[in-house]
């Protein structure tokens, strides 16, 4: 790699964008580089490594604050690897919790859609049980049924509208 590249080249090499690079500079994750004549930023191999590290951390879902801590671990080689492990483990626990929540949401939505298919699919919007239940105040029976993943059956009265 060449030792001096411009922001567009850095973005391409690291699979980021120039605005992202500028943002990371603004918040202090990436050091602002020296500038050439004409005020153009010039980056080196260290910037490529650091930006790649930041991007990969973000792809793993680490928050900006956690990326800062992880980046500081890279800079201070005397700190324990266990700090990085603990940060990663904490993030893993959070990801597993979110995954569980998303799985529960998926089951609720699937049950909601299945119930709607059985009750009113294909009818007009005014007769849609799902739309009615989504609009119901939270303390009503319809709302409670929605949260448990079921639609109220369409009555003959409602079908005749």
N, C-alpha and C. Protein backbone atom coordinates (compact mmCIF):
# COMPACT_ATOMS: atom_id res chain seq x y z
N UNK A 1 0.85 -1.18 0.00
CA UNK A 1 0.00 0.00 0.00
C UNK A 1 0.89 1.23 0.00
N UNK A 2 0.44 2.23 -0.67
CA UNK A 2 1.17 3.49 -0.69
C UNK A 2 1.04 4.18 0.66
N UNK A 3 2.02 4.95 1.02
CA UNK A 3 1.98 5.57 2.35
C UNK A 3 1.12 6.82 2.39
N UNK A 4 0.76 7.37 1.23
CA UNK A 4 -0.10 8.56 1.23
C UNK A 4 -1.25 8.37 0.25
N UNK A 5 -2.46 8.36 0.79
CA UNK A 5 -3.65 8.26 -0.05
C UNK A 5 -4.64 9.33 0.36
N UNK A 6 -5.53 9.64 -0.55
CA UNK A 6 -6.55 10.66 -0.28
C UNK A 6 -7.80 9.99 0.28
N UNK A 7 -8.74 10.82 0.72
CA UNK A 7 -9.92 10.32 1.43
C UNK A 7 -10.74 9.36 0.57
N UNK A 8 -10.89 9.64 -0.72
CA UNK A 8 -11.66 8.74 -1.59
C UNK A 8 -11.02 7.37 -1.70
N UNK A 9 -9.70 7.35 -1.79
CA UNK A 9 -8.98 6.08 -1.86
C UNK A 9 -9.09 5.33 -0.53
N UNK A 10 -8.97 6.07 0.57
CA UNK A 10 -9.11 5.45 1.89
C UNK A 10 -10.49 4.83 2.04
N UNK A 11 -11.50 5.56 1.61
CA UNK A 11 -12.87 5.05 1.69
C UNK A 11 -13.01 3.75 0.89
N UNK A 12 -12.46 3.75 -0.31
CA UNK A 12 -12.56 2.56 -1.16
C UNK A 12 -11.84 1.37 -0.54
N UNK A 13 -10.63 1.58 -0.07
CA UNK A 13 -9.82 0.50 0.50
C UNK A 13 -10.46 -0.08 1.76
N UNK A 14 -11.12 0.76 2.55
CA UNK A 14 -11.68 0.33 3.83
C UNK A 14 -13.18 0.05 3.77
N UNK A 15 -13.77 0.18 2.58
CA UNK A 15 -15.21 -0.07 2.39
C UNK A 15 -16.05 0.85 3.29
N UNK A 16 -15.68 2.11 3.32
CA UNK A 16 -16.44 3.12 4.04
C UNK A 16 -16.76 4.24 3.05
N UNK A 17 -17.16 5.39 3.56
CA UNK A 17 -17.43 6.55 2.71
C UNK A 17 -16.68 7.75 3.26
N UNK A 18 -16.40 8.73 2.41
CA UNK A 18 -15.75 9.95 2.92
C UNK A 18 -16.52 10.62 4.07
N UNK A 19 -17.87 10.71 4.00
CA UNK A 19 -18.56 11.31 5.15
C UNK A 19 -18.37 10.51 6.45
N UNK A 20 -18.31 9.19 6.34
CA UNK A 20 -18.07 8.37 7.52
C UNK A 20 -16.68 8.64 8.08
N UNK A 21 -15.72 8.75 7.21
CA UNK A 21 -14.35 9.04 7.65
C UNK A 21 -14.30 10.38 8.36
N UNK A 22 -14.93 11.40 7.76
CA UNK A 22 -14.94 12.72 8.39
C UNK A 22 -15.65 12.67 9.74
N UNK A 23 -16.73 11.91 9.83
CA UNK A 23 -17.46 11.77 11.10
C UNK A 23 -16.55 11.16 12.16
N UNK A 24 -15.86 10.08 11.82
CA UNK A 24 -14.95 9.46 12.78
C UNK A 24 -13.83 10.41 13.20
N UNK A 25 -13.40 11.26 12.30
CA UNK A 25 -12.42 12.29 12.67
C UNK A 25 -13.06 13.30 13.64
N UNK A 26 -14.27 13.73 13.32
CA UNK A 26 -14.96 14.73 14.16
C UNK A 26 -15.17 14.24 15.58
N UNK A 27 -15.46 12.95 15.75
CA UNK A 27 -15.73 12.43 17.10
C UNK A 27 -14.48 11.86 17.76
N UNK A 28 -13.35 11.94 17.07
CA UNK A 28 -12.09 11.54 17.68
C UNK A 28 -11.72 10.07 17.57
N UNK A 29 -12.47 9.29 16.82
CA UNK A 29 -12.10 7.88 16.63
C UNK A 29 -10.92 7.74 15.68
N UNK A 30 -10.83 8.65 14.75
CA UNK A 30 -9.75 8.66 13.77
C UNK A 30 -9.08 10.03 13.86
N UNK A 31 -7.77 10.03 13.95
CA UNK A 31 -7.04 11.30 14.04
C UNK A 31 -7.14 12.05 12.72
N UNK A 32 -7.41 13.36 12.77
CA UNK A 32 -7.39 14.13 11.53
C UNK A 32 -5.99 14.06 10.91
N UNK A 33 -5.93 13.79 9.62
CA UNK A 33 -4.63 13.60 8.97
C UNK A 33 -3.98 14.94 8.60
N UNK A 34 -2.71 14.89 8.26
CA UNK A 34 -2.09 16.10 7.72
C UNK A 34 -2.73 16.42 6.36
N UNK A 35 -2.56 17.64 5.93
CA UNK A 35 -3.13 18.04 4.65
C UNK A 35 -2.04 18.46 3.68
N UNK A 36 -2.29 18.16 2.42
CA UNK A 36 -1.39 18.58 1.36
C UNK A 36 -1.74 20.01 0.96
N UNK A 37 -0.97 20.54 0.04
CA UNK A 37 -1.32 21.83 -0.55
C UNK A 37 -2.71 21.68 -1.17
N UNK A 38 -3.51 22.68 -1.04
CA UNK A 38 -4.88 22.60 -1.53
C UNK A 38 -5.81 22.02 -0.49
N UNK A 39 -5.29 21.81 0.71
CA UNK A 39 -6.09 21.40 1.86
C UNK A 39 -6.63 19.98 1.77
N UNK A 40 -6.05 19.14 0.91
CA UNK A 40 -6.52 17.76 0.80
C UNK A 40 -5.91 16.90 1.90
N UNK A 41 -6.76 16.08 2.50
CA UNK A 41 -6.30 15.16 3.53
C UNK A 41 -5.45 14.06 2.89
N UNK A 42 -4.41 13.66 3.61
CA UNK A 42 -3.60 12.52 3.16
C UNK A 42 -3.49 11.52 4.30
N UNK A 43 -3.74 10.26 3.97
CA UNK A 43 -3.78 9.20 4.96
C UNK A 43 -2.67 8.20 4.70
N UNK A 44 -2.29 7.50 5.75
CA UNK A 44 -1.25 6.49 5.64
C UNK A 44 -1.75 5.10 5.99
N UNK A 45 -0.82 4.16 6.01
CA UNK A 45 -1.14 2.77 6.30
C UNK A 45 -1.77 2.60 7.68
N UNK A 46 -1.32 3.36 8.65
CA UNK A 46 -1.89 3.28 10.00
C UNK A 46 -3.36 3.69 10.01
N UNK A 47 -3.69 4.68 9.18
CA UNK A 47 -5.09 5.11 9.08
C UNK A 47 -5.95 4.02 8.45
N UNK A 48 -5.39 3.32 7.48
CA UNK A 48 -6.12 2.21 6.85
C UNK A 48 -6.41 1.14 7.89
N UNK A 49 -5.39 0.77 8.67
CA UNK A 49 -5.58 -0.26 9.70
C UNK A 49 -6.60 0.19 10.74
N UNK A 50 -6.47 1.43 11.22
CA UNK A 50 -7.38 1.92 12.26
C UNK A 50 -8.81 2.00 11.75
N UNK A 51 -9.00 2.53 10.54
CA UNK A 51 -10.35 2.65 10.00
C UNK A 51 -10.95 1.27 9.72
N UNK A 52 -10.14 0.34 9.26
CA UNK A 52 -10.62 -1.03 9.06
C UNK A 52 -11.07 -1.62 10.39
N UNK A 53 -10.28 -1.40 11.42
CA UNK A 53 -10.61 -1.87 12.76
C UNK A 53 -11.95 -1.27 13.22
N UNK A 54 -12.11 0.03 13.06
CA UNK A 54 -13.34 0.72 13.47
C UNK A 54 -14.53 0.16 12.70
N UNK A 55 -14.38 0.03 11.38
CA UNK A 55 -15.49 -0.48 10.56
C UNK A 55 -15.87 -1.89 10.99
N UNK A 56 -14.89 -2.74 11.22
CA UNK A 56 -15.19 -4.12 11.63
C UNK A 56 -15.89 -4.15 12.97
N UNK A 57 -15.44 -3.32 13.91
CA UNK A 57 -16.11 -3.24 15.22
C UNK A 57 -17.57 -2.83 15.04
N UNK A 58 -17.81 -1.84 14.18
CA UNK A 58 -19.18 -1.38 13.94
C UNK A 58 -20.01 -2.47 13.27
N UNK A 59 -19.40 -3.24 12.36
CA UNK A 59 -20.12 -4.35 11.73
C UNK A 59 -20.54 -5.39 12.75
N UNK A 60 -19.75 -5.55 13.80
CA UNK A 60 -20.10 -6.47 14.87
C UNK A 60 -21.13 -5.86 15.82
N UNK A 61 -21.51 -4.61 15.58
CA UNK A 61 -22.55 -3.98 16.38
C UNK A 61 -22.05 -3.27 17.62
N UNK A 62 -20.75 -3.12 17.78
CA UNK A 62 -20.24 -2.40 18.95
C UNK A 62 -20.62 -0.93 18.84
N UNK A 63 -21.02 -0.35 19.96
CA UNK A 63 -21.35 1.07 20.01
C UNK A 63 -20.08 1.89 19.80
N UNK A 64 -20.26 3.16 19.48
CA UNK A 64 -19.12 4.06 19.32
C UNK A 64 -18.28 4.08 20.60
N UNK A 65 -18.95 4.14 21.75
CA UNK A 65 -18.21 4.16 23.02
C UNK A 65 -17.37 2.90 23.20
N UNK A 66 -17.93 1.76 22.85
CA UNK A 66 -17.17 0.51 22.97
C UNK A 66 -16.04 0.44 21.95
N UNK A 67 -16.28 1.00 20.77
CA UNK A 67 -15.20 1.04 19.77
C UNK A 67 -14.05 1.88 20.31
N UNK A 68 -14.38 2.98 20.99
CA UNK A 68 -13.33 3.82 21.59
C UNK A 68 -12.47 3.00 22.56
N UNK A 69 -13.15 2.24 23.41
CA UNK A 69 -12.42 1.43 24.40
C UNK A 69 -11.56 0.38 23.69
N UNK A 70 -12.14 -0.31 22.73
CA UNK A 70 -11.38 -1.33 22.00
C UNK A 70 -10.20 -0.70 21.26
N UNK A 71 -10.42 0.46 20.66
CA UNK A 71 -9.33 1.15 19.96
C UNK A 71 -8.23 1.55 20.94
N UNK A 72 -8.62 1.95 22.14
CA UNK A 72 -7.60 2.31 23.14
C UNK A 72 -6.79 1.09 23.56
N UNK A 73 -7.42 -0.08 23.53
CA UNK A 73 -6.69 -1.32 23.84
C UNK A 73 -5.65 -1.63 22.77
N UNK A 74 -5.98 -1.30 21.53
CA UNK A 74 -5.02 -1.50 20.44
C UNK A 74 -3.82 -0.58 20.64
N UNK A 75 -4.10 0.65 21.07
CA UNK A 75 -3.02 1.64 21.25
C UNK A 75 -2.13 1.31 22.45
N UNK A 76 -2.74 0.85 23.54
CA UNK A 76 -1.98 0.57 24.77
C UNK A 76 -1.75 -0.93 24.88
N UNK A 77 -0.67 -1.39 24.37
CA UNK A 77 -0.37 -2.82 24.30
C UNK A 77 -0.11 -3.45 25.66
N UNK A 78 -0.02 -2.65 26.70
CA UNK A 78 0.22 -3.18 28.05
C UNK A 78 -1.07 -3.61 28.74
N UNK A 79 -2.21 -3.15 28.22
CA UNK A 79 -3.48 -3.51 28.84
C UNK A 79 -3.82 -4.96 28.54
N UNK A 80 -4.61 -5.52 29.43
CA UNK A 80 -4.95 -6.94 29.34
C UNK A 80 -5.91 -7.23 28.19
N UNK A 81 -5.66 -8.34 27.54
CA UNK A 81 -6.56 -8.85 26.51
C UNK A 81 -7.93 -9.16 27.11
N UNK A 82 -7.96 -9.44 28.40
CA UNK A 82 -9.23 -9.75 29.07
C UNK A 82 -10.20 -8.58 29.02
N UNK A 83 -9.69 -7.36 28.93
CA UNK A 83 -10.58 -6.21 28.79
C UNK A 83 -11.36 -6.31 27.49
N UNK A 84 -10.68 -6.67 26.41
CA UNK A 84 -11.36 -6.84 25.13
C UNK A 84 -12.34 -8.00 25.20
N UNK A 85 -11.94 -9.07 25.84
CA UNK A 85 -12.80 -10.23 25.97
C UNK A 85 -14.06 -9.89 26.75
N UNK A 86 -13.91 -9.15 27.84
CA UNK A 86 -15.06 -8.77 28.66
C UNK A 86 -16.01 -7.86 27.90
N UNK A 87 -15.45 -6.94 27.14
CA UNK A 87 -16.29 -6.07 26.31
C UNK A 87 -17.06 -6.90 25.28
N UNK A 88 -16.37 -7.82 24.64
CA UNK A 88 -17.01 -8.67 23.64
C UNK A 88 -18.06 -9.57 24.28
N UNK A 89 -17.75 -10.11 25.45
CA UNK A 89 -18.71 -10.98 26.13
C UNK A 89 -19.96 -10.20 26.53
N UNK A 90 -19.78 -9.01 27.05
CA UNK A 90 -20.91 -8.16 27.41
C UNK A 90 -21.78 -7.87 26.18
N UNK A 91 -21.13 -7.60 25.07
CA UNK A 91 -21.86 -7.34 23.83
C UNK A 91 -22.59 -8.60 23.36
N UNK A 92 -21.95 -9.75 23.51
CA UNK A 92 -22.57 -11.02 23.14
C UNK A 92 -23.85 -11.26 23.94
N UNK A 93 -23.81 -10.97 25.23
CA UNK A 93 -25.00 -11.12 26.08
C UNK A 93 -26.12 -10.22 25.56
N UNK A 94 -25.79 -8.98 25.24
CA UNK A 94 -26.80 -8.05 24.72
C UNK A 94 -27.37 -8.53 23.39
N UNK A 95 -26.51 -9.03 22.51
CA UNK A 95 -26.96 -9.53 21.21
C UNK A 95 -27.90 -10.71 21.41
N UNK A 96 -27.56 -11.61 22.32
CA UNK A 96 -28.44 -12.76 22.57
C UNK A 96 -29.79 -12.32 23.12
N UNK A 97 -29.80 -11.31 23.99
CA UNK A 97 -31.06 -10.79 24.52
C UNK A 97 -31.91 -10.19 23.39
N UNK A 98 -31.27 -9.41 22.51
CA UNK A 98 -31.99 -8.82 21.38
C UNK A 98 -32.52 -9.90 20.46
N UNK A 99 -31.71 -10.93 20.24
CA UNK A 99 -32.13 -12.04 19.39
C UNK A 99 -33.37 -12.72 19.97
N UNK A 100 -33.38 -12.92 21.26
CA UNK A 100 -34.53 -13.53 21.93
C UNK A 100 -35.77 -12.65 21.75
N UNK A 101 -35.60 -11.34 21.94
CA UNK A 101 -36.72 -10.41 21.75
C UNK A 101 -37.22 -10.45 20.31
N UNK A 102 -36.31 -10.50 19.35
CA UNK A 102 -36.71 -10.55 17.95
C UNK A 102 -37.41 -11.86 17.62
N UNK A 103 -36.97 -12.96 18.20
CA UNK A 103 -37.65 -14.24 17.97
C UNK A 103 -39.06 -14.21 18.54
N UNK A 104 -39.23 -13.61 19.71
CA UNK A 104 -40.56 -13.48 20.30
C UNK A 104 -41.44 -12.60 19.42
N UNK A 105 -40.87 -11.51 18.91
CA UNK A 105 -41.61 -10.62 18.03
C UNK A 105 -42.00 -11.35 16.74
N UNK A 106 -41.08 -12.12 16.19
CA UNK A 106 -41.37 -12.89 14.99
C UNK A 106 -42.55 -13.84 15.21
N UNK A 107 -42.55 -14.54 16.33
CA UNK A 107 -43.65 -15.47 16.62
C UNK A 107 -44.97 -14.72 16.78
N UNK A 108 -44.95 -13.60 17.44
CA UNK A 108 -46.17 -12.81 17.63
C UNK A 108 -46.72 -12.32 16.30
N UNK A 109 -45.83 -11.80 15.46
CA UNK A 109 -46.28 -11.29 14.17
C UNK A 109 -46.79 -12.42 13.29
N UNK A 110 -46.09 -13.55 13.28
CA UNK A 110 -46.53 -14.70 12.48
C UNK A 110 -47.90 -15.18 12.93
N UNK A 111 -48.12 -15.25 14.23
CA UNK A 111 -49.42 -15.67 14.75
C UNK A 111 -50.50 -14.66 14.37
N UNK A 112 -50.15 -13.40 14.44
CA UNK A 112 -51.07 -12.32 14.08
C UNK A 112 -51.47 -12.45 12.61
N UNK A 113 -50.50 -12.66 11.73
CA UNK A 113 -50.76 -12.78 10.30
C UNK A 113 -51.57 -14.05 10.02
N UNK A 114 -51.20 -15.16 10.62
CA UNK A 114 -51.95 -16.40 10.42
C UNK A 114 -53.40 -16.25 10.86
N UNK A 115 -53.60 -15.64 12.00
CA UNK A 115 -54.96 -15.44 12.50
C UNK A 115 -55.75 -14.53 11.57
N UNK A 116 -55.09 -13.50 11.08
CA UNK A 116 -55.75 -12.60 10.15
C UNK A 116 -56.11 -13.34 8.86
N UNK A 117 -55.21 -14.19 8.39
CA UNK A 117 -55.50 -14.98 7.18
C UNK A 117 -56.76 -15.81 7.37
N UNK A 118 -56.94 -16.36 8.55
CA UNK A 118 -58.10 -17.20 8.84
C UNK A 118 -59.37 -16.37 9.00
N UNK A 119 -59.23 -15.13 9.48
CA UNK A 119 -60.40 -14.33 9.82
C UNK A 119 -60.90 -13.44 8.70
N UNK A 120 -60.00 -12.73 8.05
CA UNK A 120 -60.51 -11.69 7.16
C UNK A 120 -59.66 -11.41 5.94
N UNK A 121 -58.67 -12.18 5.66
CA UNK A 121 -57.78 -11.88 4.53
C UNK A 121 -58.56 -11.76 3.24
N UNK A 122 -58.26 -10.73 2.48
CA UNK A 122 -58.92 -10.53 1.20
C UNK A 122 -60.11 -9.60 1.26
N UNK A 123 -60.55 -9.26 2.45
CA UNK A 123 -61.68 -8.35 2.57
C UNK A 123 -61.25 -6.91 2.41
N UNK A 124 -62.20 -6.02 2.59
CA UNK A 124 -61.89 -4.59 2.49
C UNK A 124 -61.26 -4.11 3.78
N UNK A 125 -60.49 -3.03 3.68
CA UNK A 125 -59.78 -2.49 4.83
C UNK A 125 -60.70 -2.15 5.99
N UNK A 126 -61.90 -1.69 5.69
CA UNK A 126 -62.83 -1.32 6.76
C UNK A 126 -63.21 -2.53 7.61
N UNK A 127 -63.12 -3.73 7.04
CA UNK A 127 -63.47 -4.95 7.78
C UNK A 127 -62.24 -5.69 8.30
N UNK A 128 -61.09 -5.10 8.17
CA UNK A 128 -59.86 -5.79 8.55
C UNK A 128 -59.70 -5.83 10.07
N UNK A 129 -59.75 -7.02 10.61
CA UNK A 129 -59.62 -7.23 12.04
C UNK A 129 -58.25 -6.77 12.52
N UNK A 130 -57.23 -7.04 11.73
CA UNK A 130 -55.88 -6.67 12.13
C UNK A 130 -55.75 -5.15 12.26
N UNK A 131 -56.25 -4.40 11.28
CA UNK A 131 -56.17 -2.94 11.35
C UNK A 131 -56.97 -2.41 12.53
N UNK A 132 -58.11 -3.02 12.79
CA UNK A 132 -58.93 -2.61 13.93
C UNK A 132 -58.20 -2.85 15.24
N UNK A 133 -57.60 -4.01 15.37
CA UNK A 133 -56.90 -4.33 16.61
C UNK A 133 -55.65 -3.49 16.82
N UNK A 134 -54.96 -3.18 15.74
CA UNK A 134 -53.77 -2.33 15.87
C UNK A 134 -54.15 -0.91 16.31
N UNK A 135 -55.38 -0.51 16.01
CA UNK A 135 -55.85 0.82 16.39
C UNK A 135 -56.49 0.86 17.77
N UNK A 136 -56.78 -0.30 18.35
CA UNK A 136 -57.50 -0.36 19.62
C UNK A 136 -56.62 0.14 20.77
N UNK A 137 -57.23 0.86 21.73
CA UNK A 137 -56.48 1.26 22.93
C UNK A 137 -55.90 0.02 23.62
N UNK A 138 -54.79 0.19 24.28
CA UNK A 138 -54.06 -0.96 24.85
C UNK A 138 -54.82 -1.72 25.92
N UNK A 139 -55.78 -1.12 26.56
CA UNK A 139 -56.46 -1.82 27.64
C UNK A 139 -57.74 -2.52 27.19
N UNK A 140 -57.98 -2.60 25.88
CA UNK A 140 -59.19 -3.27 25.40
C UNK A 140 -58.92 -4.74 25.13
N UNK A 141 -59.98 -5.50 25.00
CA UNK A 141 -59.85 -6.93 24.72
C UNK A 141 -59.18 -7.16 23.38
N UNK A 142 -59.52 -6.33 22.39
CA UNK A 142 -58.93 -6.49 21.07
C UNK A 142 -57.42 -6.28 21.13
N UNK A 143 -57.02 -5.29 21.89
CA UNK A 143 -55.59 -5.02 22.03
C UNK A 143 -54.89 -6.17 22.75
N UNK A 144 -55.50 -6.71 23.78
CA UNK A 144 -54.91 -7.83 24.50
C UNK A 144 -54.79 -9.04 23.58
N UNK A 145 -55.79 -9.24 22.72
CA UNK A 145 -55.75 -10.35 21.78
C UNK A 145 -54.60 -10.18 20.80
N UNK A 146 -54.38 -8.95 20.35
CA UNK A 146 -53.28 -8.68 19.43
C UNK A 146 -51.96 -9.01 20.08
N UNK A 147 -51.76 -8.59 21.30
CA UNK A 147 -50.48 -8.83 21.97
C UNK A 147 -50.26 -10.32 22.19
N UNK A 148 -51.32 -11.10 22.27
CA UNK A 148 -51.13 -12.53 22.44
C UNK A 148 -51.06 -13.24 21.09
N UNK A 149 -51.17 -12.46 20.00
CA UNK A 149 -50.97 -13.02 18.69
C UNK A 149 -52.21 -13.58 18.02
N UNK A 150 -53.40 -13.14 18.42
CA UNK A 150 -54.57 -13.66 17.73
C UNK A 150 -55.54 -12.54 17.38
N UNK A 151 -56.23 -12.72 16.27
CA UNK A 151 -57.26 -11.77 15.85
C UNK A 151 -58.61 -12.32 16.28
N UNK A 152 -59.51 -11.43 16.54
CA UNK A 152 -60.87 -11.86 16.84
C UNK A 152 -61.50 -12.35 15.55
N UNK A 153 -62.28 -13.41 15.62
CA UNK A 153 -62.90 -13.91 14.39
C UNK A 153 -63.89 -12.88 13.84
N UNK A 154 -64.02 -12.89 12.53
CA UNK A 154 -64.96 -11.98 11.89
C UNK A 154 -66.35 -12.56 12.04
N UNK A 155 -67.27 -11.76 12.55
CA UNK A 155 -68.64 -12.22 12.75
C UNK A 155 -69.43 -12.03 11.46
N UNK A 156 -70.57 -12.69 11.36
CA UNK A 156 -71.43 -12.56 10.19
C UNK A 156 -71.84 -11.10 10.01
N UNK A 157 -72.06 -10.40 11.14
CA UNK A 157 -72.43 -8.99 11.11
C UNK A 157 -71.34 -8.17 10.40
N UNK A 158 -70.10 -8.44 10.71
CA UNK A 158 -68.99 -7.68 10.13
C UNK A 158 -68.80 -8.04 8.66
N UNK A 159 -69.05 -9.30 8.29
CA UNK A 159 -68.86 -9.71 6.90
C UNK A 159 -69.88 -9.06 5.98
N UNK A 160 -71.04 -8.71 6.50
CA UNK A 160 -72.10 -8.17 5.66
C UNK A 160 -71.93 -6.69 5.37
N UNK A 161 -70.98 -6.03 5.99
CA UNK A 161 -70.80 -4.58 5.76
C UNK A 161 -70.38 -4.26 4.38
